[in-house]
Amino acid sequence: MPELTLYSYWRSSAAYRARIALNLKQLPHTIKPVHLLRNEQRAVEFRELNPQELIPILFDGERVIRQSLAIIEYLDETYTEGPTLLPGMARARARVRGIAQAIACDIHPLGNLRVQQYLEREFHVDEAQRQAWTRHWIVAGFDALEAMLVGNPGTGAFCEGDAPSMADICVVPQVYNARRFGIDMNTYPTLARIDAACRELNAFRDAAPEAQMDAPRETTA
């Protein structure tokens, strides 16, 4: 098997997703930390790996895969032994992708570090206002996600059925972010229940921000 290397940052939601996927697939891998607050992603050497200056990046031998959802699907399609991250039925796969994209495309980017930095730099938006901005978009997204999950016959112990999928891989990091920004998860009982079920699994626990080698040792958040 070629060596798998993931460029990651401990508190990056997108890298968190990729770490969970690697763990669920039970794939040995090496983590290569990139410190976003020190702007290591803007170094010339890193920009050659990803012109977007974003993480995660997965190296599978000489092959380079960028973007967390692409990484998840690549791992699922390439390493077919063990648990699958997307359901077999087309309609269930579409539902999982829809939930994942609602987070990765619609919620997460609006609170992303580079968006926060742009608001501060170009519009002089203070920290309280930036946090209010982020909370607004998480709440709007979670209102919709809760409605999509609750009462849907596809929802089981996890977002789709009784095994974690790409949808859950996206939910857990976003719930982590929601708690960071003071969102009351009691408002979202289905999301909170699914998050709790996921965090009982070693694959999710070992991928958590506080468990990463580059996490500040004094933090538990």
C-alpha atoms as a PDB file:
ATOM      1  CA  MET A   1       0.000   0.000   0.000  1.00  0.00           C
ATOM      2  CA  PRO A   2       1.394   3.468  -0.853  1.00  0.00           C
ATOM      3  CA  GLU A   3       2.043   5.719   2.121  1.00  0.00           C
ATOM      4  CA  LEU A   4      -0.848   8.028   2.997  1.00  0.00           C
ATOM      5  CA  THR A   5       0.075  11.492   4.274  1.00  0.00           C
ATOM      6  CA  LEU A   6      -2.474  14.086   5.356  1.00  0.00           C
ATOM      7  CA  TYR A   7      -1.624  17.781   5.632  1.00  0.00           C
ATOM      8  CA  SER A   8      -3.740  18.901   8.570  1.00  0.00           C
ATOM      9  CA  TYR A   9      -4.314  21.600  11.192  1.00  0.00           C
ATOM     10  CA  TRP A  10      -5.688  20.515  14.557  1.00  0.00           C
ATOM     11  CA  ARG A  11      -8.727  22.823  14.560  1.00  0.00           C
ATOM     12  CA  SER A  12      -9.530  22.822  10.847  1.00  0.00           C
ATOM     13  CA  SER A  13     -13.008  21.395  10.249  1.00  0.00           C
ATOM     14  CA  ALA A  14     -12.075  20.211   6.775  1.00  0.00           C
ATOM     15  CA  ALA A  15      -8.946  18.425   8.010  1.00  0.00           C
ATOM     16  CA  TYR A  16     -11.003  16.964  10.881  1.00  0.00           C
ATOM     17  CA  ARG A  17     -13.294  15.364   8.281  1.00  0.00           C
ATOM     18  CA  ALA A  18     -10.362  13.790   6.451  1.00  0.00           C
ATOM     19  CA  ARG A  19      -8.902  12.460   9.712  1.00  0.00           C
ATOM     20  CA  ILE A  20     -12.217  10.804  10.602  1.00  0.00           C
ATOM     21  CA  ALA A  21     -12.450   9.226   7.145  1.00  0.00           C
ATOM     22  CA  LEU A  22      -8.937   7.787   7.364  1.00  0.00           C
ATOM     23  CA  ASN A  23      -9.732   6.368  10.811  1.00  0.00           C
ATOM     24  CA  LEU A  24     -13.075   4.881   9.775  1.00  0.00           C
ATOM     25  CA  LYS A  25     -11.382   3.214   6.794  1.00  0.00           C
ATOM     26  CA  GLN A  26      -8.708   1.945   9.230  1.00  0.00           C
ATOM     27  CA  LEU A  27      -5.936   3.248   6.977  1.00  0.00           C
ATOM     28  CA  PRO A  28      -2.483   3.842   8.456  1.00  0.00           C
ATOM     29  CA  HIS A  29      -1.356   7.373   7.686  1.00  0.00           C
ATOM     30  CA  THR A  30       1.013  10.144   8.663  1.00  0.00           C
ATOM     31  CA  ILE A  31      -0.202  13.578   9.762  1.00  0.00           C
ATOM     32  CA  LYS A  32       1.822  16.551   8.578  1.00  0.00           C
ATOM     33  CA  PRO A  33       0.723  19.653  10.559  1.00  0.00           C
ATOM     34  CA  VAL A  34       0.310  23.011   8.819  1.00  0.00           C
ATOM     35  CA  HIS A  35      -0.121  25.903  11.263  1.00  0.00           C
ATOM     36  CA  LEU A  36      -2.772  28.146   9.715  1.00  0.00           C
ATOM     37  CA  LEU A  37      -2.456  30.964  12.265  1.00  0.00           C
ATOM     38  CA  ARG A  38       1.243  31.202  11.450  1.00  0.00           C
ATOM     39  CA  ASN A  39       0.341  31.390   7.742  1.00  0.00           C
ATOM     40  CA  GLU A  40       2.314  28.282   6.879  1.00  0.00           C
ATOM     41  CA  GLN A  41      -0.288  27.602   4.181  1.00  0.00           C
ATOM     42  CA  ARG A  42       0.930  30.722   2.367  1.00  0.00           C
ATOM     43  CA  ALA A  43       4.515  29.534   2.073  1.00  0.00           C
ATOM     44  CA  VAL A  44       5.766  29.024  -1.482  1.00  0.00           C
ATOM     45  CA  GLU A  45       6.423  25.353  -0.814  1.00  0.00           C
ATOM     46  CA  PHE A  46       2.874  24.769   0.377  1.00  0.00           C
ATOM     47  CA  ARG A  47       1.328  26.804  -2.450  1.00  0.00           C
ATOM     48  CA  GLU A  48       3.028  24.448  -4.878  1.00  0.00           C
ATOM     49  CA  LEU A  49       1.099  21.599  -3.255  1.00  0.00           C
ATOM     50  CA  ASN A  50      -2.201  23.489  -3.187  1.00  0.00           C
ATOM     51  CA  PRO A  51      -2.547  26.808  -5.062  1.00  0.00           C
ATOM     52  CA  GLN A  52      -5.697  27.481  -2.995  1.00  0.00           C
ATOM     53  CA  GLU A  53      -3.559  27.648   0.179  1.00  0.00           C
ATOM     54  CA  LEU A  54      -6.037  25.364   1.930  1.00  0.00           C
ATOM     55  CA  ILE A  55      -5.963  22.131   3.850  1.00  0.00           C
ATOM     56  CA  PRO A  56      -6.463  19.214   3.912  1.00  0.00           C
ATOM     57  CA  ILE A  57      -4.251  17.703   1.242  1.00  0.00           C
ATOM     58  CA  LEU A  58      -3.923  13.941   0.984  1.00  0.00           C
ATOM     59  CA  PHE A  59      -0.912  12.310  -0.589  1.00  0.00           C
ATOM     60  CA  ASP A  60      -1.429   8.701  -1.636  1.00  0.00           C
ATOM     61  CA  GLY A  61       2.062   7.869  -2.802  1.00  0.00           C
ATOM     62  CA  GLU A  62       2.640  10.403  -5.592  1.00  0.00           C
ATOM     63  CA  ARG A  63      -1.074  11.114  -6.041  1.00  0.00           C
ATOM     64  CA  VAL A  64      -2.392  14.394  -4.609  1.00  0.00           C
ATOM     65  CA  ILE A  65      -6.043  14.842  -3.582  1.00  0.00           C
ATOM     66  CA  ARG A  66      -7.382  18.188  -2.380  1.00  0.00           C
ATOM     67  CA  GLN A  67     -10.727  19.156  -0.785  1.00  0.00           C
ATOM     68  CA  SER A  68     -12.145  17.136   2.099  1.00  0.00           C
ATOM     69  CA  LEU A  69     -15.187  15.665   0.336  1.00  0.00           C
ATOM     70  CA  ALA A  70     -13.056  14.605  -2.618  1.00  0.00           C
ATOM     71  CA  ILE A  71     -10.613  12.975  -0.186  1.00  0.00           C
ATOM     72  CA  ILE A  72     -13.426  11.101   1.567  1.00  0.00           C
ATOM     73  CA  GLU A  73     -14.886   9.767  -1.677  1.00  0.00           C
ATOM     74  CA  TYR A  74     -11.426   8.905  -3.008  1.00  0.00           C
ATOM     75  CA  LEU A  75     -10.610   6.869   0.091  1.00  0.00           C
ATOM     76  CA  ASP A  76     -13.960   5.083  -0.084  1.00  0.00           C
ATOM     77  CA  GLU A  77     -13.588   4.209  -3.761  1.00  0.00           C
ATOM     78  CA  THR A  78      -9.894   3.307  -3.647  1.00  0.00           C
ATOM     79  CA  TYR A  79      -9.731   1.358  -0.385  1.00  0.00           C
ATOM     80  CA  THR A  80     -12.768  -0.855  -0.655  1.00  0.00           C
ATOM     81  CA  GLU A  81     -12.044  -3.244   2.198  1.00  0.00           C
ATOM     82  CA  GLY A  82     -13.670  -2.509   5.535  1.00  0.00           C
ATOM     83  CA  PRO A  83     -16.389   0.052   6.313  1.00  0.00           C
ATOM     84  CA  THR A  84     -17.868   2.127   3.513  1.00  0.00           C
ATOM     85  CA  LEU A  85     -18.439   5.865   3.819  1.00  0.00           C
ATOM     86  CA  LEU A  86     -21.234   6.121   1.246  1.00  0.00           C
ATOM     87  CA  PRO A  87     -24.344   3.899   1.111  1.00  0.00           C
ATOM     88  CA  GLY A  88     -24.894   1.420  -1.697  1.00  0.00           C
ATOM     89  CA  MET A  89     -28.320   2.698  -2.778  1.00  0.00           C
ATOM     90  CA  ALA A  90     -28.317   5.717  -5.093  1.00  0.00           C
ATOM     91  CA  ARG A  91     -31.018   7.617  -3.200  1.00  0.00           C
ATOM     92  CA  ALA A  92     -29.262   7.063   0.129  1.00  0.00           C
ATOM     93  CA  ARG A  93     -25.934   8.163  -1.403  1.00  0.00           C
ATOM     94  CA  ALA A  94     -27.604  11.313  -2.732  1.00  0.00           C
ATOM     95  CA  ARG A  95     -29.028  12.076   0.717  1.00  0.00           C
ATOM     96  CA  VAL A  96     -25.643  11.602   2.384  1.00  0.00           C
ATOM     97  CA  ARG A  97     -23.970  13.839  -0.186  1.00  0.00           C
ATOM     98  CA  GLY A  98     -26.683  16.457   0.263  1.00  0.00           C
ATOM     99  CA  ILE A  99     -26.168  16.600   4.042  1.00  0.00           C
ATOM    100  CA  ALA A 100     -22.384  16.676   3.638  1.00  0.00           C
ATOM    101  CA  GLN A 101     -22.541  19.462   1.060  1.00  0.00           C
ATOM    102  CA  ALA A 102     -24.985  21.492   3.142  1.00  0.00           C
ATOM    103  CA  ILE A 103     -22.213  21.673   5.733  1.00  0.00           C
ATOM    104  CA  ALA A 104     -19.055  21.703   3.630  1.00  0.00           C
ATOM    105  CA  CYS A 105     -20.371  24.084   0.970  1.00  0.00           C
ATOM    106  CA  ASP A 106     -22.975  26.238   2.725  1.00  0.00           C
ATOM    107  CA  ILE A 107     -22.197  26.493   6.459  1.00  0.00           C
ATOM    108  CA  HIS A 108     -18.496  25.957   6.987  1.00  0.00           C
ATOM    109  CA  PRO A 109     -17.035  28.330   4.347  1.00  0.00           C
ATOM    110  CA  LEU A 110     -18.829  31.358   5.810  1.00  0.00           C
ATOM    111  CA  GLY A 111     -17.078  30.956   9.168  1.00  0.00           C
ATOM    112  CA  ASN A 112     -13.773  29.839   7.702  1.00  0.00           C
ATOM    113  CA  LEU A 113     -10.537  31.416   9.000  1.00  0.00           C
ATOM    114  CA  ARG A 114      -9.790  33.244   5.753  1.00  0.00           C
ATOM    115  CA  VAL A 115     -13.309  34.745   5.712  1.00  0.00           C
ATOM    116  CA  GLN A 116     -12.858  35.884   9.323  1.00  0.00           C
ATOM    117  CA  GLN A 117      -9.495  37.411   8.466  1.00  0.00           C
ATOM    118  CA  TYR A 118     -10.921  39.171   5.411  1.00  0.00           C
ATOM    119  CA  LEU A 119     -13.792  40.663   7.422  1.00  0.00           C
ATOM    120  CA  GLU A 120     -11.301  41.958   9.964  1.00  0.00           C
ATOM    121  CA  ARG A 121      -8.745  43.233   7.462  1.00  0.00           C
ATOM    122  CA  GLU A 122     -10.973  44.810   4.805  1.00  0.00           C
ATOM    123  CA  PHE A 123     -14.056  45.870   6.774  1.00  0.00           C
ATOM    124  CA  HIS A 124     -12.603  46.305  10.280  1.00  0.00           C
ATOM    125  CA  VAL A 125     -15.211  43.967  11.731  1.00  0.00           C
ATOM    126  CA  ASP A 126     -14.414  43.378  15.392  1.00  0.00           C
ATOM    127  CA  GLU A 127     -14.287  39.962  17.052  1.00  0.00           C
ATOM    128  CA  ALA A 128     -17.766  40.161  18.588  1.00  0.00           C
ATOM    129  CA  GLN A 129     -19.281  40.991  15.205  1.00  0.00           C
ATOM    130  CA  ARG A 130     -17.319  38.222  13.481  1.00  0.00           C
ATOM    131  CA  GLN A 131     -18.551  35.726  16.050  1.00  0.00           C
ATOM    132  CA  ALA A 132     -22.122  36.935  15.553  1.00  0.00           C
ATOM    133  CA  TRP A 133     -21.670  36.472  11.790  1.00  0.00           C
ATOM    134  CA  THR A 134     -20.444  32.900  12.276  1.00  0.00           C
ATOM    135  CA  ARG A 135     -23.209  32.021  14.750  1.00  0.00           C
ATOM    136  CA  HIS A 136     -25.838  33.357  12.353  1.00  0.00           C
ATOM    137  CA  TRP A 137     -24.750  31.038   9.539  1.00  0.00           C
ATOM    138  CA  ILE A 138     -24.345  28.004  11.794  1.00  0.00           C
ATOM    139  CA  VAL A 139     -27.835  28.512  13.226  1.00  0.00           C
ATOM    140  CA  ALA A 140     -29.355  28.981   9.764  1.00  0.00           C
ATOM    141  CA  GLY A 141     -27.660  25.818   8.562  1.00  0.00           C
ATOM    142  CA  PHE A 142     -28.460  23.758  11.640  1.00  0.00           C
ATOM    143  CA  ASP A 143     -32.131  24.812  11.528  1.00  0.00           C
ATOM    144  CA  ALA A 144     -32.283  23.319   8.033  1.00  0.00           C
ATOM    145  CA  LEU A 145     -30.227  20.216   8.863  1.00  0.00           C
ATOM    146  CA  GLU A 146     -32.327  19.374  11.908  1.00  0.00           C
ATOM    147  CA  ALA A 147     -35.446  19.587   9.752  1.00  0.00           C
ATOM    148  CA  MET A 148     -33.813  17.355   7.117  1.00  0.00           C
ATOM    149  CA  LEU A 149     -32.917  14.712   9.698  1.00  0.00           C
ATOM    150  CA  VAL A 150     -35.761  14.591  12.195  1.00  0.00           C
ATOM    151  CA  GLY A 151     -38.541  12.206  11.203  1.00  0.00           C
ATOM    152  CA  ASN A 152     -36.856  11.204   7.943  1.00  0.00           C
ATOM    153  CA  PRO A 153     -37.122   7.422   7.474  1.00  0.00           C
ATOM    154  CA  GLY A 154     -33.492   7.320   6.363  1.00  0.00           C
ATOM    155  CA  THR A 155     -32.252   8.707   9.674  1.00  0.00           C
ATOM    156  CA  GLY A 156     -31.173   5.976  12.069  1.00  0.00           C
ATOM    157  CA  ALA A 157     -28.520   5.919  14.755  1.00  0.00           C
ATOM    158  CA  PHE A 158     -26.559   8.090  12.337  1.00  0.00           C
ATOM    159  CA  CYS A 159     -27.520  10.533   9.588  1.00  0.00           C
ATOM    160  CA  GLU A 160     -28.321   7.709   7.164  1.00  0.00           C
ATOM    161  CA  GLY A 161     -29.051   4.350   8.719  1.00  0.00           C
ATOM    162  CA  ASP A 162     -27.090   2.722  11.504  1.00  0.00           C
ATOM    163  CA  ALA A 163     -23.509   3.172  10.301  1.00  0.00           C
ATOM    164  CA  PRO A 164     -21.520   6.412  10.066  1.00  0.00           C
ATOM    165  CA  SER A 165     -21.155   7.896   6.607  1.00  0.00           C
ATOM    166  CA  MET A 166     -19.729  10.966   4.915  1.00  0.00           C
ATOM    167  CA  ALA A 167     -22.690  12.909   6.322  1.00  0.00           C
ATOM    168  CA  ASP A 168     -21.684  12.144   9.923  1.00  0.00           C
ATOM    169  CA  ILE A 169     -18.051  12.869   9.061  1.00  0.00           C
ATOM    170  CA  CYS A 170     -19.178  16.409   8.217  1.00  0.00           C
ATOM    171  CA  VAL A 171     -21.669  16.819  11.062  1.00  0.00           C
ATOM    172  CA  VAL A 172     -19.254  16.159  13.935  1.00  0.00           C
ATOM    173  CA  PRO A 173     -16.651  18.849  13.066  1.00  0.00           C
ATOM    174  CA  GLN A 174     -19.428  21.377  12.466  1.00  0.00           C
ATOM    175  CA  VAL A 175     -21.021  20.593  15.832  1.00  0.00           C
ATOM    176  CA  TYR A 176     -17.573  21.066  17.377  1.00  0.00           C
ATOM    177  CA  ASN A 177     -17.485  24.521  15.751  1.00  0.00           C
ATOM    178  CA  ALA A 178     -21.009  25.281  16.907  1.00  0.00           C
ATOM    179  CA  ARG A 179     -20.045  24.627  20.506  1.00  0.00           C
ATOM    180  CA  ARG A 180     -16.936  26.793  20.111  1.00  0.00           C
ATOM    181  CA  PHE A 181     -19.188  29.674  19.094  1.00  0.00           C
ATOM    182  CA  GLY A 182     -21.686  29.148  21.896  1.00  0.00           C
ATOM    183  CA  ILE A 183     -24.536  27.530  19.956  1.00  0.00           C
ATOM    184  CA  ASP A 184     -27.005  25.740  22.254  1.00  0.00           C
ATOM    185  CA  MET A 185     -27.141  22.203  20.852  1.00  0.00           C
ATOM    186  CA  ASN A 186     -30.273  21.463  22.912  1.00  0.00           C
ATOM    187  CA  THR A 187     -32.057  23.303  20.100  1.00  0.00           C
ATOM    188  CA  TYR A 188     -30.950  20.547  17.723  1.00  0.00           C
ATOM    189  CA  PRO A 189     -31.696  17.235  19.465  1.00  0.00           C
ATOM    190  CA  THR A 190     -31.244  15.042  16.383  1.00  0.00           C
ATOM    191  CA  LEU A 191     -27.902  16.586  15.458  1.00  0.00           C
ATOM    192  CA  ALA A 192     -26.791  16.395  19.092  1.00  0.00           C
ATOM    193  CA  ARG A 193     -27.813  12.725  19.343  1.00  0.00           C
ATOM    194  CA  ILE A 194     -25.954  11.804  16.145  1.00  0.00           C
ATOM    195  CA  ASP A 195     -22.883  13.756  17.260  1.00  0.00           C
ATOM    196  CA  ALA A 196     -22.884  11.900  20.592  1.00  0.00           C
ATOM    197  CA  ALA A 197     -23.203   8.508  18.853  1.00  0.00           C
ATOM    198  CA  CYS A 198     -20.275   9.341  16.586  1.00  0.00           C
ATOM    199  CA  ARG A 199     -18.051  10.519  19.411  1.00  0.00           C
ATOM    200  CA  GLU A 200     -18.478   7.137  21.117  1.00  0.00           C
ATOM    201  CA  LEU A 201     -16.429   5.646  18.268  1.00  0.00           C
ATOM    202  CA  ASN A 202     -12.633   5.584  18.397  1.00  0.00           C
ATOM    203  CA  ALA A 203     -12.400   6.757  14.787  1.00  0.00           C
ATOM    204  CA  PHE A 204     -14.063  10.044  15.745  1.00  0.00           C
ATOM    205  CA  ARG A 205     -12.382  10.408  19.140  1.00  0.00           C
ATOM    206  CA  ASP A 206      -8.907   9.902  17.696  1.00  0.00           C
ATOM    207  CA  ALA A 207      -9.600  12.501  14.992  1.00  0.00           C
ATOM    208  CA  ALA A 208     -10.812  15.146  17.464  1.00  0.00           C
ATOM    209  CA  PRO A 209      -8.908  18.444  17.551  1.00  0.00           C
ATOM    210  CA  GLU A 210      -7.687  18.031  21.125  1.00  0.00           C
ATOM    211  CA  ALA A 211      -6.203  14.617  20.263  1.00  0.00           C
ATOM    212  CA  GLN A 212      -3.921  15.999  17.542  1.00  0.00           C
ATOM    213  CA  MET A 213      -0.154  16.289  17.850  1.00  0.00           C
ATOM    214  CA  ASP A 214      -0.250  19.997  16.952  1.00  0.00           C
ATOM    215  CA  ALA A 215      -3.033  20.905  19.396  1.00  0.00           C
ATOM    216  CA  PRO A 216      -1.965  23.257  22.201  1.00  0.00           C
ATOM    217  CA  ARG A 217      -1.472  20.997  25.190  1.00  0.00           C
ATOM    218  CA  GLU A 218      -3.242  23.410  27.542  1.00  0.00           C
ATOM    219  CA  THR A 219      -6.500  23.346  25.536  1.00  0.00           C
ATOM    220  CA  THR A 220      -9.378  20.949  25.892  1.00  0.00           C
ATOM    221  CA  ALA A 221     -11.503  22.692  23.246  1.00  0.00           C
END
